[in-house]
Amino acid sequence: MNNANTGMDMGMGMTGCMDGMMWGMGILGILFAILLILGIAALGKYLFAGKRQ
């Protein structure tokens, strides 16, 4: 019975770790998407500014 409980605790610990990793990956993904959008916007602004001059 004790072994089963220990196994359950370890399983819950792994689940918590996976949730933390998913949050971390989600935050990194959002930051990467924002940087990508800003980079594309800057590139577009630079290209269109070059055509006007």
PDB file of N, CA and C in Angstrom:
ATOM      1  N   MET A   1       0.834  -1.195   0.000  1.00  0.00           N
ATOM      2  CA  MET A   1       0.000   0.000   0.000  1.00  0.00           C
ATOM      3  C   MET A   1       0.879   1.260   0.000  1.00  0.00           C
ATOM      4  N   ASN A   2       1.950   1.233   0.795  1.00  0.00           N
ATOM      5  CA  ASN A   2       2.846   2.380   0.850  1.00  0.00           C
ATOM      6  C   ASN A   2       3.508   2.614  -0.505  1.00  0.00           C
ATOM      7  N   ASN A   3       3.893   1.530  -1.179  1.00  0.00           N
ATOM      8  CA  ASN A   3       4.528   1.671  -2.484  1.00  0.00           C
ATOM      9  C   ASN A   3       3.566   2.315  -3.476  1.00  0.00           C
ATOM     10  N   ALA A   4       2.294   1.944  -3.442  1.00  0.00           N
ATOM     11  CA  ALA A   4       1.299   2.514  -4.357  1.00  0.00           C
ATOM     12  C   ALA A   4       1.168   4.016  -4.107  1.00  0.00           C
ATOM     13  N   ASN A   5       1.125   4.406  -2.829  1.00  0.00           N
ATOM     14  CA  ASN A   5       1.023   5.830  -2.505  1.00  0.00           C
ATOM     15  C   ASN A   5       2.249   6.596  -2.979  1.00  0.00           C
ATOM     16  N   THR A   6       3.423   6.012  -2.806  1.00  0.00           N
ATOM     17  CA  THR A   6       4.660   6.663  -3.244  1.00  0.00           C
ATOM     18  C   THR A   6       4.632   6.821  -4.765  1.00  0.00           C
ATOM     19  N   GLY A   7       4.159   5.808  -5.452  1.00  0.00           N
ATOM     20  CA  GLY A   7       4.054   5.877  -6.907  1.00  0.00           C
ATOM     21  C   GLY A   7       3.108   6.987  -7.332  1.00  0.00           C
ATOM     22  N   MET A   8       2.007   7.132  -6.607  1.00  0.00           N
ATOM     23  CA  MET A   8       1.050   8.188  -6.924  1.00  0.00           C
ATOM     24  C   MET A   8       1.693   9.558  -6.711  1.00  0.00           C
ATOM     25  N   ASP A   9       2.427   9.713  -5.615  1.00  0.00           N
ATOM     26  CA  ASP A   9       3.086  10.987  -5.332  1.00  0.00           C
ATOM     27  C   ASP A   9       4.093  11.325  -6.428  1.00  0.00           C
ATOM     28  N   MET A  10       4.849  10.335  -6.858  1.00  0.00           N
ATOM     29  CA  MET A  10       5.833  10.578  -7.917  1.00  0.00           C
ATOM     30  C   MET A  10       5.115  10.963  -9.206  1.00  0.00           C
ATOM     31  N   GLY A  11       4.005  10.325  -9.479  1.00  0.00           N
ATOM     32  CA  GLY A  11       3.231  10.640 -10.682  1.00  0.00           C
ATOM     33  C   GLY A  11       2.727  12.074 -10.638  1.00  0.00           C
ATOM     34  N   MET A  12       2.253  12.502  -9.484  1.00  0.00           N
ATOM     35  CA  MET A  12       1.764  13.870  -9.341  1.00  0.00           C
ATOM     36  C   MET A  12       2.920  14.862  -9.498  1.00  0.00           C
ATOM     37  N   GLY A  13       4.081  14.516  -8.961  1.00  0.00           N
ATOM     38  CA  GLY A  13       5.244  15.380  -9.088  1.00  0.00           C
ATOM     39  C   GLY A  13       5.648  15.539 -10.547  1.00  0.00           C
ATOM     40  N   MET A  14       5.625  14.458 -11.295  1.00  0.00           N
ATOM     41  CA  MET A  14       5.967  14.520 -12.712  1.00  0.00           C
ATOM     42  C   MET A  14       4.947  15.365 -13.464  1.00  0.00           C
ATOM     43  N   THR A  15       3.681  15.243 -13.104  1.00  0.00           N
ATOM     44  CA  THR A  15       2.635  16.029 -13.759  1.00  0.00           C
ATOM     45  C   THR A  15       2.865  17.511 -13.508  1.00  0.00           C
ATOM     46  N   GLY A  16       3.229  17.868 -12.276  1.00  0.00           N
ATOM     47  CA  GLY A  16       3.508  19.263 -11.949  1.00  0.00           C
ATOM     48  C   GLY A  16       4.690  19.780 -12.751  1.00  0.00           C
ATOM     49  N   CYS A  17       5.704  18.952 -12.902  1.00  0.00           N
ATOM     50  CA  CYS A  17       6.894  19.344 -13.676  1.00  0.00           C
ATOM     51  C   CYS A  17       6.516  19.548 -15.143  1.00  0.00           C
ATOM     52  N   MET A  18       5.705  18.662 -15.682  1.00  0.00           N
ATOM     53  CA  MET A  18       5.290  18.781 -17.083  1.00  0.00           C
ATOM     54  C   MET A  18       4.446  20.037 -17.280  1.00  0.00           C
ATOM     55  N   ASP A  19       3.574  20.344 -16.327  1.00  0.00           N
ATOM     56  CA  ASP A  19       2.763  21.564 -16.414  1.00  0.00           C
ATOM     57  C   ASP A  19       3.661  22.793 -16.429  1.00  0.00           C
ATOM     58  N   GLY A  20       4.685  22.783 -15.578  1.00  0.00           N
ATOM     59  CA  GLY A  20       5.623  23.897 -15.543  1.00  0.00           C
ATOM     60  C   GLY A  20       6.358  24.051 -16.867  1.00  0.00           C
ATOM     61  N   MET A  21       6.756  22.937 -17.450  1.00  0.00           N
ATOM     62  CA  MET A  21       7.452  22.981 -18.744  1.00  0.00           C
ATOM     63  C   MET A  21       6.518  23.502 -19.831  1.00  0.00           C
ATOM     64  N   MET A  22       5.265  23.088 -19.777  1.00  0.00           N
ATOM     65  CA  MET A  22       4.299  23.553 -20.781  1.00  0.00           C
ATOM     66  C   MET A  22       4.086  25.058 -20.650  1.00  0.00           C
ATOM     67  N   TRP A  23       3.992  25.566 -19.414  1.00  0.00           N
ATOM     68  CA  TRP A  23       3.845  27.012 -19.201  1.00  0.00           C
ATOM     69  C   TRP A  23       5.065  27.733 -19.747  1.00  0.00           C
ATOM     70  N   GLY A  24       6.255  27.192 -19.455  1.00  0.00           N
ATOM     71  CA  GLY A  24       7.492  27.809 -19.933  1.00  0.00           C
ATOM     72  C   GLY A  24       7.558  27.846 -21.451  1.00  0.00           C
ATOM     73  N   MET A  25       7.197  26.734 -22.080  1.00  0.00           N
ATOM     74  CA  MET A  25       7.214  26.673 -23.548  1.00  0.00           C
ATOM     75  C   MET A  25       6.173  27.623 -24.122  1.00  0.00           C
ATOM     76  N   GLY A  26       5.036  27.735 -23.477  1.00  0.00           N
ATOM     77  CA  GLY A  26       3.983  28.642 -23.957  1.00  0.00           C
ATOM     78  C   GLY A  26       4.432  30.093 -23.893  1.00  0.00           C
ATOM     79  N   ILE A  27       5.060  30.453 -22.789  1.00  0.00           N
ATOM     80  CA  ILE A  27       5.553  31.832 -22.635  1.00  0.00           C
ATOM     81  C   ILE A  27       6.640  32.113 -23.663  1.00  0.00           C
ATOM     82  N   LEU A  28       7.565  31.164 -23.846  1.00  0.00           N
ATOM     83  CA  LEU A  28       8.625  31.347 -24.842  1.00  0.00           C
ATOM     84  C   LEU A  28       8.031  31.442 -26.246  1.00  0.00           C
ATOM     85  N   GLY A  29       7.018  30.650 -26.518  1.00  0.00           N
ATOM     86  CA  GLY A  29       6.365  30.694 -27.826  1.00  0.00           C
ATOM     87  C   GLY A  29       5.708  32.039 -28.088  1.00  0.00           C
ATOM     88  N   ILE A  30       5.035  32.573 -27.071  1.00  0.00           N
ATOM     89  CA  ILE A  30       4.386  33.879 -27.215  1.00  0.00           C
ATOM     90  C   ILE A  30       5.428  34.971 -27.437  1.00  0.00           C
ATOM     91  N   LEU A  31       6.518  34.935 -26.652  1.00  0.00           N
ATOM     92  CA  LEU A  31       7.585  35.932 -26.819  1.00  0.00           C
ATOM     93  C   LEU A  31       8.208  35.834 -28.206  1.00  0.00           C
ATOM     94  N   PHE A  32       8.439  34.607 -28.674  1.00  0.00           N
ATOM     95  CA  PHE A  32       9.017  34.409 -30.000  1.00  0.00           C
ATOM     96  C   PHE A  32       8.076  34.948 -31.077  1.00  0.00           C
ATOM     97  N   ALA A  33       6.777  34.697 -30.926  1.00  0.00           N
ATOM     98  CA  ALA A  33       5.796  35.191 -31.904  1.00  0.00           C
ATOM     99  C   ALA A  33       5.779  36.720 -31.929  1.00  0.00           C
ATOM    100  N   ILE A  34       5.836  37.353 -30.754  1.00  0.00           N
ATOM    101  CA  ILE A  34       5.844  38.818 -30.680  1.00  0.00           C
ATOM    102  C   ILE A  34       7.088  39.373 -31.362  1.00  0.00           C
ATOM    103  N   LEU A  35       8.250  38.781 -31.069  1.00  0.00           N
ATOM    104  CA  LEU A  35       9.494  39.239 -31.693  1.00  0.00           C
ATOM    105  C   LEU A  35       9.444  39.048 -33.208  1.00  0.00           C
ATOM    106  N   LEU A  36       8.877  37.943 -33.653  1.00  0.00           N
ATOM    107  CA  LEU A  36       8.765  37.676 -35.090  1.00  0.00           C
ATOM    108  C   LEU A  36       7.864  38.714 -35.755  1.00  0.00           C
ATOM    109  N   ILE A  37       6.729  39.014 -35.150  1.00  0.00           N
ATOM    110  CA  ILE A  37       5.795  40.011 -35.708  1.00  0.00           C
ATOM    111  C   ILE A  37       6.451  41.390 -35.742  1.00  0.00           C
ATOM    112  N   LEU A  38       7.144  41.770 -34.651  1.00  0.00           N
ATOM    113  CA  LEU A  38       7.825  43.059 -34.624  1.00  0.00           C
ATOM    114  C   LEU A  38       8.929  43.126 -35.678  1.00  0.00           C
ATOM    115  N   GLY A  39       9.639  42.028 -35.861  1.00  0.00           N
ATOM    116  CA  GLY A  39      10.696  41.984 -36.874  1.00  0.00           C
ATOM    117  C   GLY A  39      10.135  42.138 -38.277  1.00  0.00           C
ATOM    118  N   ILE A  40       9.034  41.459 -38.551  1.00  0.00           N
ATOM    119  CA  ILE A  40       8.396  41.561 -39.869  1.00  0.00           C
ATOM    120  C   ILE A  40       7.870  42.977 -40.086  1.00  0.00           C
ATOM    121  N   ALA A  41       7.278  43.565 -39.059  1.00  0.00           N
ATOM    122  CA  ALA A  41       6.765  44.940 -39.169  1.00  0.00           C
ATOM    123  C   ALA A  41       7.905  45.922 -39.432  1.00  0.00           C
ATOM    124  N   ALA A  42       9.028  45.753 -38.733  1.00  0.00           N
ATOM    125  CA  ALA A  42      10.177  46.641 -38.928  1.00  0.00           C
ATOM    126  C   ALA A  42      10.734  46.474 -40.341  1.00  0.00           C
ATOM    127  N   LEU A  43      10.820  45.242 -40.804  1.00  0.00           N
ATOM    128  CA  LEU A  43      11.321  44.984 -42.152  1.00  0.00           C
ATOM    129  C   LEU A  43      10.399  45.614 -43.197  1.00  0.00           C
ATOM    130  N   GLY A  44       9.100  45.459 -43.016  1.00  0.00           N
ATOM    131  CA  GLY A  44       8.131  46.054 -43.944  1.00  0.00           C
ATOM    132  C   GLY A  44       8.219  47.572 -43.944  1.00  0.00           C
ATOM    133  N   LYS A  45       8.335  48.161 -42.770  1.00  0.00           N
ATOM    134  CA  LYS A  45       8.450  49.620 -42.673  1.00  0.00           C
ATOM    135  C   LYS A  45       9.718  50.092 -43.378  1.00  0.00           C
ATOM    136  N   TYR A  46      10.814  49.369 -43.180  1.00  0.00           N
ATOM    137  CA  TYR A  46      12.095  49.723 -43.803  1.00  0.00           C
ATOM    138  C   TYR A  46      11.993  49.631 -45.331  1.00  0.00           C
ATOM    139  N   LEU A  47      11.375  48.568 -45.812  1.00  0.00           N
ATOM    140  CA  LEU A  47      11.250  48.390 -47.263  1.00  0.00           C
ATOM    141  C   LEU A  47      10.349  49.455 -47.882  1.00  0.00           C
ATOM    142  N   PHE A  48       9.216  49.742 -47.225  1.00  0.00           N
ATOM    143  CA  PHE A  48       8.288  50.742 -47.779  1.00  0.00           C
ATOM    144  C   PHE A  48       8.883  52.148 -47.664  1.00  0.00           C
ATOM    145  N   ALA A  49       9.652  52.428 -46.611  1.00  0.00           N
ATOM    146  CA  ALA A  49      10.304  53.728 -46.466  1.00  0.00           C
ATOM    147  C   ALA A  49      11.358  53.896 -47.570  1.00  0.00           C
ATOM    148  N   GLY A  50      12.024  52.806 -47.919  1.00  0.00           N
ATOM    149  CA  GLY A  50      13.034  52.867 -48.980  1.00  0.00           C
ATOM    150  C   GLY A  50      12.416  53.145 -50.333  1.00  0.00           C
ATOM    151  N   LYS A  51      11.201  52.653 -50.591  1.00  0.00           N
ATOM    152  CA  LYS A  51      10.541  52.879 -51.879  1.00  0.00           C
ATOM    153  C   LYS A  51      10.086  54.339 -52.030  1.00  0.00           C
ATOM    154  N   ARG A  52       9.699  54.961 -50.903  1.00  0.00           N
ATOM    155  CA  ARG A  52       9.205  56.352 -50.977  1.00  0.00           C
ATOM    156  C   ARG A  52      10.325  57.332 -51.294  1.00  0.00           C
ATOM    157  N   GLN A  53      11.532  57.056 -50.832  1.00  0.00           N
ATOM    158  CA  GLN A  53      12.611  58.031 -51.036  1.00  0.00           C
ATOM    159  C   GLN A  53      13.218  57.940 -52.377  1.00  0.00           C
TER     160      GLN A  53
END
